[in-house]
Amino acid sequence: MSARFWIFPMIALLMLAGCSTYTVVSDYDRSLSFEKYKTYRWSSEGSAGIDDDILARNPLIYKHIRSAVDRELAAKGFVLQESGPVDFTVAPHARVRERVVVTPPVGFAYSSGYYHRWGRRGYTTFWYDPYPYPAVSYYEEGTLIIDIIDSRTDDIAWSGIARGILRDYDSSIQMHRDIDEVVTKIMAQFPPLVIK
């Protein structure tokens, strides 16, 4: 059975993972001190207020993303706490958009050949336009966003985004590998290297 997933990628204008053609960017609040962050929990609001969040409709993908983020944060020394005060919360979101690419006509080409007309013979060059109309193609672009929300201010402290063309999968194994790769590359940018 074929499983469908965005990547990144969600979560490519590009084929993800294998070709490394998805893009990953991040941004952060420069007024915060990320070195003070030690503990976190997952946002209880989930995808509330986000109408097109596909993670709300795909709990297994959400669960795998959550597991991958937990693994990356644990490797950096952050501690997951289910209760009590924490330094930040994690809120992932994902969406899919249909994109259109219009390629203008390629231009003129030429060919040479033998002719026989009106009693004359010889070789000549013929100019023609092999693609007189623009080519239109469609693809689905997926985006995965991982937000880090500061518990003290309740504002977004850091946001990591991966974007790429959707892929079709024949099994969930490769899909999970691609999710792991994308999450790893997003979380590699957290915490940000703050330059003072």
N, C-alpha and C. Protein backbone atom coordinates (compact mmCIF):
# COMPACT_ATOMS: atom_id res chain seq x y z
N MET A 1 0.84 -1.18 0.00
CA MET A 1 0.00 0.00 0.00
C MET A 1 0.88 1.24 0.00
N SER A 2 0.50 2.22 -0.74
CA SER A 2 1.32 3.43 -0.88
C SER A 2 0.91 4.46 0.16
N ALA A 3 1.88 4.95 0.93
CA ALA A 3 1.61 5.99 1.92
C ALA A 3 2.08 7.32 1.36
N ARG A 4 1.29 8.39 1.57
CA ARG A 4 1.63 9.68 0.99
C ARG A 4 2.07 10.61 2.09
N PHE A 5 3.15 11.31 1.84
CA PHE A 5 3.67 12.22 2.86
C PHE A 5 4.38 13.39 2.22
N TRP A 6 4.31 14.51 2.81
CA TRP A 6 4.93 15.75 2.32
C TRP A 6 6.40 15.69 2.64
N ILE A 7 7.24 16.27 2.37
CA ILE A 7 8.47 16.44 3.08
C ILE A 7 9.10 17.69 2.65
N PHE A 8 9.57 17.62 2.75
CA PHE A 8 10.37 18.34 2.58
C PHE A 8 10.97 18.84 2.35
N PRO A 9 10.26 18.44 1.68
CA PRO A 9 10.63 18.02 1.90
C PRO A 9 9.69 17.32 1.78
N MET A 10 6.45 17.48 3.45
CA MET A 10 5.99 18.09 4.29
C MET A 10 6.95 18.86 4.08
N ILE A 11 6.22 17.04 4.27
CA ILE A 11 7.17 17.05 4.59
C ILE A 11 6.51 16.17 4.31
N ALA A 12 9.04 17.87 -2.50
CA ALA A 12 10.19 18.64 -2.21
C ALA A 12 10.07 19.46 -3.34
N LEU A 13 9.88 21.48 -4.02
CA LEU A 13 10.17 21.66 -5.40
C LEU A 13 11.30 20.71 -5.72
N LEU A 14 11.40 19.65 -5.18
CA LEU A 14 12.61 18.89 -5.17
C LEU A 14 12.28 17.48 -4.68
N MET A 15 13.06 16.44 -4.97
CA MET A 15 12.82 15.13 -4.38
C MET A 15 13.64 15.05 -3.12
N LEU A 16 12.97 14.76 -2.03
CA LEU A 16 13.61 14.89 -0.74
C LEU A 16 14.57 13.78 -0.37
N ALA A 17 15.20 14.03 0.74
CA ALA A 17 16.09 13.08 1.38
C ALA A 17 17.18 12.55 0.48
N GLY A 18 16.85 11.59 -0.39
CA GLY A 18 17.88 10.99 -1.20
C GLY A 18 18.69 12.00 -1.99
N CYS A 19 18.03 13.05 -2.46
CA CYS A 19 18.72 14.06 -3.26
C CYS A 19 19.13 15.27 -2.44
N SER A 20 18.71 15.34 -1.19
CA SER A 20 19.01 16.46 -0.32
C SER A 20 18.64 17.79 -0.98
N THR A 21 17.45 17.82 -1.56
CA THR A 21 17.04 19.01 -2.27
C THR A 21 15.96 19.79 -1.53
N TYR A 22 15.66 19.42 -0.32
CA TYR A 22 14.73 20.22 0.47
C TYR A 22 15.54 21.31 1.17
N THR A 23 14.86 22.33 1.59
CA THR A 23 15.53 23.44 2.25
C THR A 23 15.14 23.49 3.72
N VAL A 24 16.09 23.85 4.55
CA VAL A 24 15.86 24.00 5.99
C VAL A 24 16.36 25.36 6.41
N VAL A 25 15.50 26.12 7.07
CA VAL A 25 15.88 27.43 7.60
C VAL A 25 15.31 27.56 9.01
N SER A 26 15.86 28.51 9.76
CA SER A 26 15.34 28.77 11.10
C SER A 26 15.52 30.25 11.43
N ASP A 27 14.75 30.68 12.42
CA ASP A 27 14.86 32.05 12.91
C ASP A 27 14.57 32.02 14.40
N TYR A 28 14.99 33.06 15.12
CA TYR A 28 14.79 33.05 16.56
C TYR A 28 14.69 34.47 17.11
N ASP A 29 14.21 34.55 18.34
CA ASP A 29 14.08 35.83 19.05
C ASP A 29 15.44 36.16 19.67
N ARG A 30 16.05 37.22 19.19
CA ARG A 30 17.40 37.57 19.65
C ARG A 30 17.44 38.13 21.06
N SER A 31 16.29 38.39 21.65
CA SER A 31 16.28 38.94 23.01
C SER A 31 16.30 37.86 24.08
N LEU A 32 16.21 36.58 23.68
CA LEU A 32 16.15 35.49 24.65
C LEU A 32 17.52 34.85 24.89
N SER A 33 17.68 34.28 26.08
CA SER A 33 18.91 33.57 26.45
C SER A 33 18.66 32.07 26.36
N PHE A 34 19.03 31.47 25.26
CA PHE A 34 18.75 30.05 25.05
C PHE A 34 19.62 29.15 25.92
N GLU A 35 20.72 29.67 26.42
CA GLU A 35 21.57 28.84 27.27
C GLU A 35 20.89 28.50 28.59
N LYS A 36 19.81 29.22 28.93
CA LYS A 36 19.07 28.92 30.16
C LYS A 36 18.05 27.81 29.98
N TYR A 37 17.80 27.41 28.75
CA TYR A 37 16.82 26.36 28.49
C TYR A 37 17.37 25.00 28.92
N LYS A 38 16.59 24.30 29.73
CA LYS A 38 16.98 22.96 30.18
C LYS A 38 15.84 21.95 30.00
N THR A 39 14.61 22.36 30.29
CA THR A 39 13.48 21.44 30.29
C THR A 39 12.41 21.88 29.29
N TYR A 40 11.61 20.91 28.84
CA TYR A 40 10.55 21.21 27.88
C TYR A 40 9.40 20.21 27.99
N ARG A 41 8.31 20.55 27.34
CA ARG A 41 7.19 19.63 27.17
C ARG A 41 6.56 19.92 25.82
N TRP A 42 5.66 19.05 25.39
CA TRP A 42 4.96 19.24 24.13
C TRP A 42 3.72 20.09 24.34
N SER A 43 3.44 20.93 23.38
CA SER A 43 2.29 21.82 23.47
C SER A 43 1.00 21.01 23.58
N SER A 44 0.17 21.37 24.53
CA SER A 44 -1.11 20.69 24.70
C SER A 44 -2.15 21.18 23.70
N GLU A 45 -1.88 22.31 23.06
CA GLU A 45 -2.83 22.88 22.11
C GLU A 45 -2.77 22.17 20.76
N GLY A 46 -1.67 21.51 20.50
CA GLY A 46 -1.54 20.80 19.23
C GLY A 46 -1.72 21.73 18.05
N SER A 47 -2.65 21.38 17.16
CA SER A 47 -2.88 22.16 15.95
C SER A 47 -4.08 23.08 16.07
N ALA A 48 -4.44 23.43 17.28
CA ALA A 48 -5.60 24.29 17.49
C ALA A 48 -5.43 25.60 16.74
N GLY A 49 -6.44 25.96 15.99
CA GLY A 49 -6.42 27.22 15.26
C GLY A 49 -5.69 27.17 13.93
N ILE A 50 -5.13 26.01 13.56
CA ILE A 50 -4.44 25.88 12.29
C ILE A 50 -5.26 24.93 11.42
N ASP A 51 -6.06 25.51 10.53
CA ASP A 51 -7.02 24.73 9.75
C ASP A 51 -6.38 23.71 8.82
N ASP A 52 -5.24 24.05 8.22
CA ASP A 52 -4.64 23.18 7.21
C ASP A 52 -3.49 22.33 7.74
N ASP A 53 -3.41 22.16 9.05
CA ASP A 53 -2.32 21.36 9.61
C ASP A 53 -2.61 19.88 9.38
N ILE A 54 -1.80 19.23 8.54
CA ILE A 54 -2.06 17.84 8.24
C ILE A 54 -1.65 16.89 9.35
N LEU A 55 -0.87 17.36 10.33
CA LEU A 55 -0.51 16.49 11.45
C LEU A 55 -1.74 16.17 12.30
N ALA A 56 -2.70 17.08 12.30
CA ALA A 56 -3.94 16.83 13.05
C ALA A 56 -4.71 15.67 12.45
N ARG A 57 -4.52 15.43 11.16
CA ARG A 57 -5.23 14.34 10.47
C ARG A 57 -4.36 13.09 10.31
N ASN A 58 -3.09 13.18 10.73
CA ASN A 58 -2.16 12.05 10.60
C ASN A 58 -1.44 11.80 11.93
N PRO A 59 -2.15 11.23 12.90
CA PRO A 59 -1.54 11.05 14.23
C PRO A 59 -0.29 10.17 14.26
N LEU A 60 -0.17 9.22 13.33
CA LEU A 60 1.02 8.36 13.33
C LEU A 60 2.25 9.15 12.87
N ILE A 61 2.07 10.02 11.88
CA ILE A 61 3.18 10.86 11.43
C ILE A 61 3.56 11.83 12.54
N TYR A 62 2.53 12.41 13.19
CA TYR A 62 2.81 13.32 14.32
C TYR A 62 3.61 12.59 15.40
N LYS A 63 3.22 11.37 15.71
CA LYS A 63 3.90 10.60 16.74
C LYS A 63 5.36 10.34 16.36
N HIS A 64 5.61 10.05 15.09
CA HIS A 64 6.99 9.78 14.67
C HIS A 64 7.82 11.06 14.70
N ILE A 65 7.24 12.17 14.29
CA ILE A 65 7.95 13.45 14.37
C ILE A 65 8.28 13.77 15.82
N ARG A 66 7.32 13.56 16.69
CA ARG A 66 7.54 13.84 18.11
C ARG A 66 8.67 12.98 18.66
N SER A 67 8.69 11.70 18.29
CA SER A 67 9.75 10.80 18.75
C SER A 67 11.12 11.27 18.24
N ALA A 68 11.17 11.70 16.98
CA ALA A 68 12.43 12.16 16.40
C ALA A 68 12.92 13.44 17.07
N VAL A 69 12.01 14.36 17.36
CA VAL A 69 12.38 15.61 18.05
C VAL A 69 12.87 15.30 19.46
N ASP A 70 12.17 14.42 20.17
CA ASP A 70 12.59 14.03 21.53
C ASP A 70 14.01 13.47 21.52
N ARG A 71 14.29 12.63 20.53
CA ARG A 71 15.63 12.03 20.42
C ARG A 71 16.69 13.11 20.20
N GLU A 72 16.41 14.06 19.31
CA GLU A 72 17.37 15.14 19.03
C GLU A 72 17.57 16.04 20.24
N LEU A 73 16.49 16.37 20.94
CA LEU A 73 16.62 17.24 22.11
C LEU A 73 17.34 16.54 23.25
N ALA A 74 17.07 15.24 23.43
CA ALA A 74 17.75 14.47 24.49
C ALA A 74 19.25 14.42 24.21
N ALA A 75 19.64 14.30 22.94
CA ALA A 75 21.06 14.26 22.58
C ALA A 75 21.75 15.58 22.89
N LYS A 76 20.98 16.66 22.95
CA LYS A 76 21.54 17.98 23.27
C LYS A 76 21.46 18.28 24.77
N GLY A 77 20.92 17.36 25.56
CA GLY A 77 20.88 17.53 27.00
C GLY A 77 19.58 18.12 27.55
N PHE A 78 18.56 18.30 26.70
CA PHE A 78 17.29 18.83 27.19
C PHE A 78 16.47 17.70 27.79
N VAL A 79 15.69 18.03 28.82
CA VAL A 79 14.93 17.03 29.56
C VAL A 79 13.44 17.24 29.34
N LEU A 80 12.74 16.17 28.93
CA LEU A 80 11.30 16.22 28.74
C LEU A 80 10.62 16.04 30.09
N GLN A 81 9.73 16.96 30.47
CA GLN A 81 8.97 16.89 31.71
C GLN A 81 7.49 16.97 31.38
N GLU A 82 6.73 15.98 31.84
CA GLU A 82 5.30 15.96 31.56
C GLU A 82 4.52 16.87 32.50
N SER A 83 5.09 17.19 33.66
CA SER A 83 4.39 18.06 34.61
C SER A 83 5.39 19.02 35.24
N GLY A 84 4.84 20.04 35.90
CA GLY A 84 5.68 21.04 36.53
C GLY A 84 6.12 22.09 35.53
N PRO A 85 6.78 23.12 36.02
CA PRO A 85 7.23 24.20 35.12
C PRO A 85 8.36 23.73 34.21
N VAL A 86 8.36 24.25 32.98
CA VAL A 86 9.41 23.94 32.01
C VAL A 86 9.88 25.25 31.37
N ASP A 87 11.00 25.18 30.69
CA ASP A 87 11.56 26.38 30.05
C ASP A 87 10.92 26.68 28.69
N PHE A 88 10.52 25.62 27.97
CA PHE A 88 9.89 25.85 26.67
C PHE A 88 8.98 24.69 26.30
N THR A 89 8.08 24.95 25.35
CA THR A 89 7.22 23.90 24.81
C THR A 89 7.51 23.76 23.32
N VAL A 90 7.21 22.58 22.78
CA VAL A 90 7.46 22.28 21.38
C VAL A 90 6.12 22.11 20.67
N ALA A 91 5.96 22.75 19.52
CA ALA A 91 4.71 22.66 18.74
C ALA A 91 5.04 22.48 17.27
N PRO A 92 4.84 21.27 16.72
CA PRO A 92 5.09 21.06 15.29
C PRO A 92 3.82 21.29 14.47
N HIS A 93 3.99 21.73 13.23
CA HIS A 93 2.87 21.92 12.31
C HIS A 93 3.36 21.50 10.93
N ALA A 94 2.43 21.06 10.09
CA ALA A 94 2.80 20.69 8.73
C ALA A 94 1.65 21.02 7.79
N ARG A 95 1.99 21.38 6.56
CA ARG A 95 0.95 21.67 5.57
C ARG A 95 1.45 21.31 4.17
N VAL A 96 0.49 21.17 3.28
CA VAL A 96 0.77 20.84 1.89
C VAL A 96 0.11 21.87 1.00
N ARG A 97 0.83 22.33 0.00
CA ARG A 97 0.30 23.30 -0.96
C ARG A 97 0.54 22.78 -2.38
N GLU A 98 -0.45 22.96 -3.25
CA GLU A 98 -0.24 22.61 -4.65
C GLU A 98 0.45 23.78 -5.34
N ARG A 99 1.49 23.47 -6.08
CA ARG A 99 2.24 24.50 -6.78
C ARG A 99 2.18 24.24 -8.29
N VAL A 100 2.33 25.31 -9.05
CA VAL A 100 2.29 25.23 -10.50
C VAL A 100 3.58 25.81 -11.06
N VAL A 101 4.16 25.13 -12.03
CA VAL A 101 5.36 25.62 -12.70
C VAL A 101 5.01 25.80 -14.18
N VAL A 102 5.20 27.00 -14.70
CA VAL A 102 4.96 27.28 -16.11
C VAL A 102 6.31 27.52 -16.77
N THR A 103 6.64 26.67 -17.73
CA THR A 103 7.90 26.80 -18.44
C THR A 103 7.62 27.41 -19.81
N PRO A 104 8.24 28.54 -20.12
CA PRO A 104 7.99 29.18 -21.41
C PRO A 104 8.48 28.31 -22.56
N PRO A 105 7.98 28.58 -23.76
CA PRO A 105 8.45 27.80 -24.91
C PRO A 105 9.97 27.83 -25.00
N VAL A 106 10.53 26.72 -25.44
CA VAL A 106 11.97 26.56 -25.48
C VAL A 106 12.60 27.51 -26.48
N GLY A 107 11.96 27.75 -27.60
CA GLY A 107 12.55 28.61 -28.62
C GLY A 107 12.62 27.90 -29.95
N PHE A 108 13.37 28.43 -30.82
CA PHE A 108 13.45 27.87 -32.16
C PHE A 108 14.53 26.81 -32.26
N ALA A 109 14.28 25.88 -33.14
CA ALA A 109 15.26 24.84 -33.44
C ALA A 109 15.39 24.79 -34.96
N TYR A 110 16.37 24.08 -35.41
CA TYR A 110 16.51 24.00 -36.87
C TYR A 110 16.84 22.58 -37.28
N SER A 111 16.60 22.35 -38.53
CA SER A 111 16.87 21.05 -39.10
C SER A 111 17.29 21.28 -40.55
N SER A 112 18.11 20.44 -41.08
CA SER A 112 18.50 20.58 -42.49
C SER A 112 18.05 19.33 -43.24
N GLY A 113 17.76 19.52 -44.50
CA GLY A 113 17.31 18.37 -45.28
C GLY A 113 17.36 18.64 -46.76
N TYR A 114 17.16 17.59 -47.51
CA TYR A 114 17.19 17.66 -48.97
C TYR A 114 15.82 18.10 -49.47
N TYR A 115 15.78 18.95 -50.49
CA TYR A 115 14.50 19.36 -51.05
C TYR A 115 14.54 19.26 -52.57
N HIS A 116 13.37 19.15 -53.09
CA HIS A 116 13.20 19.14 -54.55
C HIS A 116 11.92 19.91 -54.84
N ARG A 117 12.07 21.14 -55.31
CA ARG A 117 10.92 22.00 -55.58
C ARG A 117 11.13 22.76 -56.88
N TRP A 118 10.08 22.88 -57.62
CA TRP A 118 10.06 23.70 -58.81
C TRP A 118 11.31 23.49 -59.70
N GLY A 119 11.67 22.27 -59.81
CA GLY A 119 12.77 21.97 -60.71
C GLY A 119 14.14 22.20 -60.09
N ARG A 120 14.16 22.56 -58.82
CA ARG A 120 15.45 22.78 -58.16
C ARG A 120 15.67 21.72 -57.08
N ARG A 121 16.94 21.43 -56.89
CA ARG A 121 17.29 20.45 -55.86
C ARG A 121 18.42 21.01 -55.02
N GLY A 122 18.47 20.53 -53.76
CA GLY A 122 19.55 20.97 -52.89
C GLY A 122 19.25 20.72 -51.42
N TYR A 123 20.12 21.23 -50.58
CA TYR A 123 19.95 21.10 -49.13
C TYR A 123 19.67 22.49 -48.55
N THR A 124 18.86 22.51 -47.54
CA THR A 124 18.56 23.79 -46.89
C THR A 124 18.32 23.57 -45.40
N THR A 125 18.24 24.68 -44.66
CA THR A 125 17.96 24.63 -43.22
C THR A 125 16.54 25.13 -42.98
N PHE A 126 15.79 24.38 -42.20
CA PHE A 126 14.42 24.76 -41.87
C PHE A 126 14.39 25.21 -40.41
N TRP A 127 13.81 26.37 -40.16
CA TRP A 127 13.64 26.86 -38.77
C TRP A 127 12.21 26.63 -38.33
N TYR A 128 12.06 26.14 -37.13
CA TYR A 128 10.70 25.91 -36.61
C TYR A 128 10.74 25.98 -35.09
N ASP A 129 9.57 26.10 -34.50
CA ASP A 129 9.44 26.14 -33.04
C ASP A 129 8.84 24.82 -32.59
N PRO A 130 9.66 23.92 -32.00
CA PRO A 130 9.14 22.60 -31.62
C PRO A 130 8.17 22.63 -30.44
N TYR A 131 8.24 23.68 -29.61
CA TYR A 131 7.38 23.79 -28.44
C TYR A 131 6.71 25.16 -28.44
N PRO A 132 5.66 25.33 -29.23
CA PRO A 132 5.08 26.66 -29.37
C PRO A 132 4.28 27.12 -28.16
N TYR A 133 3.98 26.21 -27.23
CA TYR A 133 3.15 26.57 -26.08
C TYR A 133 3.93 26.35 -24.79
N PRO A 134 3.63 27.14 -23.75
CA PRO A 134 4.31 26.92 -22.47
C PRO A 134 3.90 25.58 -21.86
N ALA A 135 4.84 24.96 -21.16
CA ALA A 135 4.56 23.69 -20.48
C ALA A 135 4.13 24.00 -19.05
N VAL A 136 3.07 23.35 -18.60
CA VAL A 136 2.54 23.56 -17.26
C VAL A 136 2.63 22.25 -16.49
N SER A 137 3.23 22.28 -15.31
CA SER A 137 3.29 21.09 -14.47
C SER A 137 2.88 21.44 -13.04
N TYR A 138 2.37 20.45 -12.34
CA TYR A 138 1.87 20.63 -10.98
C TYR A 138 2.64 19.72 -10.04
N TYR A 139 2.82 20.18 -8.82
CA TYR A 139 3.43 19.34 -7.79
C TYR A 139 2.92 19.80 -6.43
N GLU A 140 3.10 18.95 -5.44
CA GLU A 140 2.69 19.29 -4.08
C GLU A 140 3.93 19.59 -3.25
N GLU A 141 3.93 20.74 -2.62
CA GLU A 141 5.04 21.15 -1.77
C GLU A 141 4.63 20.99 -0.32
N GLY A 142 5.46 20.30 0.45
CA GLY A 142 5.18 20.10 1.87
C GLY A 142 6.08 20.95 2.73
N THR A 143 5.56 21.37 3.86
CA THR A 143 6.32 22.18 4.81
C THR A 143 6.14 21.63 6.22
N LEU A 144 7.24 21.44 6.91
CA LEU A 144 7.21 21.05 8.32
C LEU A 144 7.80 22.18 9.13
N ILE A 145 7.05 22.61 10.14
CA ILE A 145 7.49 23.70 11.01
C ILE A 145 7.55 23.18 12.44
N ILE A 146 8.67 23.42 13.10
CA ILE A 146 8.80 23.08 14.52
C ILE A 146 9.04 24.37 15.28
N ASP A 147 8.07 24.73 16.11
CA ASP A 147 8.15 25.94 16.90
C ASP A 147 8.57 25.63 18.33
N ILE A 148 9.48 26.44 18.85
CA ILE A 148 9.86 26.39 20.26
C ILE A 148 9.26 27.63 20.91
N ILE A 149 8.42 27.41 21.91
CA ILE A 149 7.71 28.52 22.55
C ILE A 149 8.25 28.74 23.96
N ASP A 150 8.69 29.95 24.22
CA ASP A 150 9.23 30.30 25.53
C ASP A 150 8.11 30.26 26.57
N SER A 151 8.28 29.52 27.64
CA SER A 151 7.23 29.38 28.66
C SER A 151 7.01 30.66 29.45
N ARG A 152 8.04 31.46 29.59
CA ARG A 152 7.90 32.69 30.37
C ARG A 152 7.11 33.75 29.62
N THR A 153 7.39 33.91 28.34
CA THR A 153 6.71 34.95 27.55
C THR A 153 5.52 34.41 26.77
N ASP A 154 5.45 33.10 26.59
CA ASP A 154 4.41 32.45 25.79
C ASP A 154 4.47 32.89 24.32
N ASP A 155 5.64 33.31 23.87
CA ASP A 155 5.85 33.70 22.47
C ASP A 155 6.81 32.71 21.82
N ILE A 156 6.79 32.68 20.48
CA ILE A 156 7.70 31.81 19.75
C ILE A 156 9.13 32.31 19.95
N ALA A 157 9.98 31.43 20.45
CA ALA A 157 11.38 31.78 20.69
C ALA A 157 12.25 31.38 19.50
N TRP A 158 11.88 30.26 18.86
CA TRP A 158 12.66 29.73 17.75
C TRP A 158 11.73 28.97 16.83
N SER A 159 11.99 29.02 15.55
CA SER A 159 11.17 28.28 14.59
C SER A 159 12.08 27.69 13.52
N GLY A 160 11.93 26.38 13.29
CA GLY A 160 12.68 25.69 12.24
C GLY A 160 11.72 25.22 11.17
N ILE A 161 12.08 25.43 9.90
CA ILE A 161 11.18 25.12 8.79
C ILE A 161 11.92 24.30 7.74
N ALA A 162 11.29 23.22 7.32
CA ALA A 162 11.81 22.42 6.21
C ALA A 162 10.75 22.40 5.11
N ARG A 163 11.20 22.55 3.86
CA ARG A 163 10.25 22.63 2.74
C ARG A 163 10.78 21.84 1.56
N GLY A 164 9.87 21.10 0.90
CA GLY A 164 10.28 20.32 -0.27
C GLY A 164 9.09 19.70 -0.97
N ILE A 165 9.34 18.91 -1.99
CA ILE A 165 8.29 18.28 -2.80
C ILE A 165 7.86 16.96 -2.18
N LEU A 166 6.57 16.70 -2.23
CA LEU A 166 6.02 15.46 -1.69
C LEU A 166 6.50 14.25 -2.48
N ARG A 167 6.64 13.17 -1.77
CA ARG A 167 7.03 11.92 -2.39
C ARG A 167 5.94 10.89 -2.15
N ASP A 168 5.90 9.87 -3.00
CA ASP A 168 5.05 8.70 -2.77
C ASP A 168 5.93 7.59 -2.23
N TYR A 169 5.41 6.88 -1.24
CA TYR A 169 6.19 5.81 -0.62
C TYR A 169 5.46 4.48 -0.79
N ASP A 170 6.24 3.42 -1.03
CA ASP A 170 5.67 2.08 -1.11
C ASP A 170 5.59 1.43 0.27
N SER A 171 6.38 1.96 1.21
CA SER A 171 6.35 1.44 2.58
C SER A 171 6.63 2.58 3.54
N SER A 172 6.30 2.36 4.79
CA SER A 172 6.52 3.39 5.81
C SER A 172 7.98 3.46 6.25
N ILE A 173 8.78 2.46 5.93
CA ILE A 173 10.18 2.43 6.38
C ILE A 173 10.96 3.61 5.83
N GLN A 174 10.91 3.81 4.49
CA GLN A 174 11.64 4.93 3.90
C GLN A 174 11.05 6.26 4.32
N MET A 175 9.72 6.31 4.48
CA MET A 175 9.09 7.54 4.93
C MET A 175 9.62 7.93 6.31
N HIS A 176 9.73 6.96 7.22
CA HIS A 176 10.25 7.23 8.56
C HIS A 176 11.71 7.67 8.51
N ARG A 177 12.48 7.08 7.61
CA ARG A 177 13.89 7.50 7.47
C ARG A 177 13.96 8.96 7.01
N ASP A 178 13.10 9.31 6.06
CA ASP A 178 13.09 10.69 5.57
C ASP A 178 12.64 11.67 6.64
N ILE A 179 11.63 11.28 7.43
CA ILE A 179 11.18 12.13 8.54
C ILE A 179 12.33 12.34 9.52
N ASP A 180 13.02 11.25 9.86
CA ASP A 180 14.14 11.35 10.79
C ASP A 180 15.21 12.29 10.25
N GLU A 181 15.53 12.19 8.96
CA GLU A 181 16.56 13.03 8.37
C GLU A 181 16.16 14.50 8.40
N VAL A 182 14.91 14.77 8.05
CA VAL A 182 14.43 16.16 8.02
C VAL A 182 14.42 16.75 9.43
N VAL A 183 13.90 16.00 10.40
CA VAL A 183 13.86 16.50 11.78
C VAL A 183 15.27 16.73 12.30
N THR A 184 16.19 15.82 11.99
CA THR A 184 17.58 15.98 12.44
C THR A 184 18.17 17.27 11.89
N LYS A 185 17.91 17.58 10.62
CA LYS A 185 18.48 18.79 10.02
C LYS A 185 17.81 20.06 10.57
N ILE A 186 16.53 19.96 10.88
CA ILE A 186 15.86 21.12 11.49
C ILE A 186 16.44 21.37 12.88
N MET A 187 16.46 20.33 13.70
CA MET A 187 16.87 20.48 15.09
C MET A 187 18.37 20.71 15.24
N ALA A 188 19.15 20.48 14.18
CA ALA A 188 20.59 20.79 14.23
C ALA A 188 20.80 22.29 14.41
N GLN A 189 19.78 23.09 14.09
CA GLN A 189 19.90 24.55 14.21
C GLN A 189 19.35 25.08 15.54
N PHE A 190 18.96 24.16 16.43
CA PHE A 190 18.49 24.55 17.76
C PHE A 190 19.36 23.93 18.84
N PRO A 191 19.72 24.68 19.87
CA PRO A 191 19.50 26.12 20.04
C PRO A 191 20.38 26.91 19.07
N PRO A 192 19.95 28.11 18.73
CA PRO A 192 20.73 28.90 17.78
C PRO A 192 22.06 29.34 18.36
N LEU A 193 23.02 29.51 17.51
CA LEU A 193 24.31 30.03 17.92
C LEU A 193 24.16 31.54 17.99
N VAL A 194 23.99 32.05 19.19
CA VAL A 194 23.74 33.47 19.39
C VAL A 194 25.06 34.22 19.35
N ILE A 195 25.17 35.14 18.41
CA ILE A 195 26.38 35.95 18.29
C ILE A 195 26.15 37.30 18.97
N LYS A 196 26.96 37.59 19.94
CA LYS A 196 26.78 38.85 20.70
C LYS A 196 27.79 39.89 20.26
